[in-house]
Amino acid sequence: MNVRANAFRLNFKKNTPVYQYPLTVTPDEIFEACQVHDILAQKHRHMSKILGAYFPSGQMIFTMNPIAETVIVETSYKG
């Protein structure tokens, strides 16, 4: 199965479940792709413990495991 993200293609074995969830970043003025990418890169280790394998793409996050509840990650960002 192929999933297209903004900058790359992801290949999975046949019948691999992929779950899609909206990504909300607040405050809204932070939502430029490069800023969100930087924030997610800083929090990658923490988020992968919560979500398992995940792939951000724009305002979406794809996971291979279902998420039972809303996940909130608080961080600070300068720049």
C-alpha atoms as a PDB file:
ATOM      1  CA  MET A   1       0.000   0.000   0.000  1.00  0.00           C
ATOM      2  CA  ASN A   2       1.293   3.484  -0.810  1.00  0.00           C
ATOM      3  CA  VAL A   3       0.586   6.556   1.294  1.00  0.00           C
ATOM      4  CA  ARG A   4       1.692   9.898  -0.065  1.00  0.00           C
ATOM      5  CA  ALA A   5       2.912  12.509   2.388  1.00  0.00           C
ATOM      6  CA  ASN A   6       3.813  16.065   1.405  1.00  0.00           C
ATOM      7  CA  ALA A   7       7.415  15.335   0.505  1.00  0.00           C
ATOM      8  CA  PHE A   8       7.733  11.561   0.282  1.00  0.00           C
ATOM      9  CA  ARG A   9       5.955   8.275  -0.350  1.00  0.00           C
ATOM     10  CA  LEU A  10       5.526   5.642   2.369  1.00  0.00           C
ATOM     11  CA  ASN A  11       5.365   1.973   1.434  1.00  0.00           C
ATOM     12  CA  PHE A  12       3.654  -0.563   3.687  1.00  0.00           C
ATOM     13  CA  LYS A  13       3.028  -4.277   3.406  1.00  0.00           C
ATOM     14  CA  LYS A  14      -0.350  -5.272   2.053  1.00  0.00           C
ATOM     15  CA  ASN A  15      -3.142  -5.099   4.665  1.00  0.00           C
ATOM     16  CA  THR A  16      -1.109  -2.898   7.020  1.00  0.00           C
ATOM     17  CA  PRO A  17      -3.532  -0.616   8.859  1.00  0.00           C
ATOM     18  CA  VAL A  18      -2.771   3.096   8.670  1.00  0.00           C
ATOM     19  CA  TYR A  19      -4.769   5.511  10.815  1.00  0.00           C
ATOM     20  CA  GLN A  20      -5.132   9.180   9.987  1.00  0.00           C
ATOM     21  CA  TYR A  21      -5.630  11.884  12.629  1.00  0.00           C
ATOM     22  CA  PRO A  22      -5.838  15.672  12.411  1.00  0.00           C
ATOM     23  CA  LEU A  23      -2.926  17.625  13.859  1.00  0.00           C
ATOM     24  CA  THR A  24      -3.882  20.754  15.750  1.00  0.00           C
ATOM     25  CA  VAL A  25      -1.194  23.234  16.776  1.00  0.00           C
ATOM     26  CA  THR A  26      -1.972  26.199  18.988  1.00  0.00           C
ATOM     27  CA  PRO A  27      -1.511  29.092  18.841  1.00  0.00           C
ATOM     28  CA  ASP A  28      -2.571  29.181  15.189  1.00  0.00           C
ATOM     29  CA  GLU A  29       0.237  31.502  14.094  1.00  0.00           C
ATOM     30  CA  ILE A  30       2.748  28.676  14.641  1.00  0.00           C
ATOM     31  CA  PHE A  31       1.219  26.598  11.884  1.00  0.00           C
ATOM     32  CA  GLU A  32       3.862  27.026   9.230  1.00  0.00           C
ATOM     33  CA  ALA A  33       5.141  23.687   7.979  1.00  0.00           C
ATOM     34  CA  CYS A  34       8.795  24.360   8.849  1.00  0.00           C
ATOM     35  CA  GLN A  35       7.936  25.408  12.420  1.00  0.00           C
ATOM     36  CA  VAL A  36       5.722  22.376  12.991  1.00  0.00           C
ATOM     37  CA  HIS A  37       8.441  20.132  11.547  1.00  0.00           C
ATOM     38  CA  ASP A  38      10.971  21.629  13.988  1.00  0.00           C
ATOM     39  CA  ILE A  39       8.632  21.148  16.959  1.00  0.00           C
ATOM     40  CA  LEU A  40       7.856  17.540  16.028  1.00  0.00           C
ATOM     41  CA  ALA A  41      11.563  16.807  15.530  1.00  0.00           C
ATOM     42  CA  GLN A  42      12.295  18.110  19.042  1.00  0.00           C
ATOM     43  CA  LYS A  43       9.516  15.957  20.515  1.00  0.00           C
ATOM     44  CA  HIS A  44      10.053  12.872  18.341  1.00  0.00           C
ATOM     45  CA  ARG A  45      11.283  10.558  21.104  1.00  0.00           C
ATOM     46  CA  HIS A  46       8.427  11.554  23.417  1.00  0.00           C
ATOM     47  CA  MET A  47       5.774  11.278  20.705  1.00  0.00           C
ATOM     48  CA  SER A  48       6.993   7.916  19.417  1.00  0.00           C
ATOM     49  CA  LYS A  49       6.602   6.511  22.959  1.00  0.00           C
ATOM     50  CA  ILE A  50       2.959   7.620  22.877  1.00  0.00           C
ATOM     51  CA  LEU A  51       2.056   6.980  19.231  1.00  0.00           C
ATOM     52  CA  GLY A  52       4.497   4.294  18.111  1.00  0.00           C
ATOM     53  CA  ALA A  53       5.520   4.780  14.489  1.00  0.00           C
ATOM     54  CA  TYR A  54       3.987   8.014  13.195  1.00  0.00           C
ATOM     55  CA  PHE A  55       4.354  10.174  10.108  1.00  0.00           C
ATOM     56  CA  PRO A  56       3.361  13.842  10.107  1.00  0.00           C
ATOM     57  CA  SER A  57       2.143  15.351   6.858  1.00  0.00           C
ATOM     58  CA  GLY A  58       0.791  18.872   6.821  1.00  0.00           C
ATOM     59  CA  GLN A  59      -2.110  19.017   9.248  1.00  0.00           C
ATOM     60  CA  MET A  60      -2.364  15.231   9.557  1.00  0.00           C
ATOM     61  CA  ILE A  61      -0.539  12.502  11.453  1.00  0.00           C
ATOM     62  CA  PHE A  62      -0.559   8.932  10.209  1.00  0.00           C
ATOM     63  CA  THR A  63       0.005   6.086  12.670  1.00  0.00           C
ATOM     64  CA  MET A  64       0.104   2.315  12.434  1.00  0.00           C
ATOM     65  CA  ASN A  65      -1.743   1.996  15.757  1.00  0.00           C
ATOM     66  CA  PRO A  66      -5.148   3.413  16.648  1.00  0.00           C
ATOM     67  CA  ILE A  67      -5.144   6.250  19.181  1.00  0.00           C
ATOM     68  CA  ALA A  68      -7.816   5.721  21.825  1.00  0.00           C
ATOM     69  CA  GLU A  69      -7.926   9.296  23.117  1.00  0.00           C
ATOM     70  CA  THR A  70      -6.768  12.804  22.312  1.00  0.00           C
ATOM     71  CA  VAL A  71      -3.025  13.230  22.722  1.00  0.00           C
ATOM     72  CA  ILE A  72      -1.797  16.654  23.837  1.00  0.00           C
ATOM     73  CA  VAL A  73       1.903  17.477  23.772  1.00  0.00           C
ATOM     74  CA  GLU A  74       2.880  20.802  25.315  1.00  0.00           C
ATOM     75  CA  THR A  75       6.134  22.450  24.384  1.00  0.00           C
ATOM     76  CA  SER A  76       7.639  25.884  23.949  1.00  0.00           C
ATOM     77  CA  TYR A  77       9.076  27.190  20.714  1.00  0.00           C
ATOM     78  CA  LYS A  78      11.278  30.206  20.098  1.00  0.00           C
ATOM     79  CA  GLY A  79      11.698  31.625  16.637  1.00  0.00           C
END
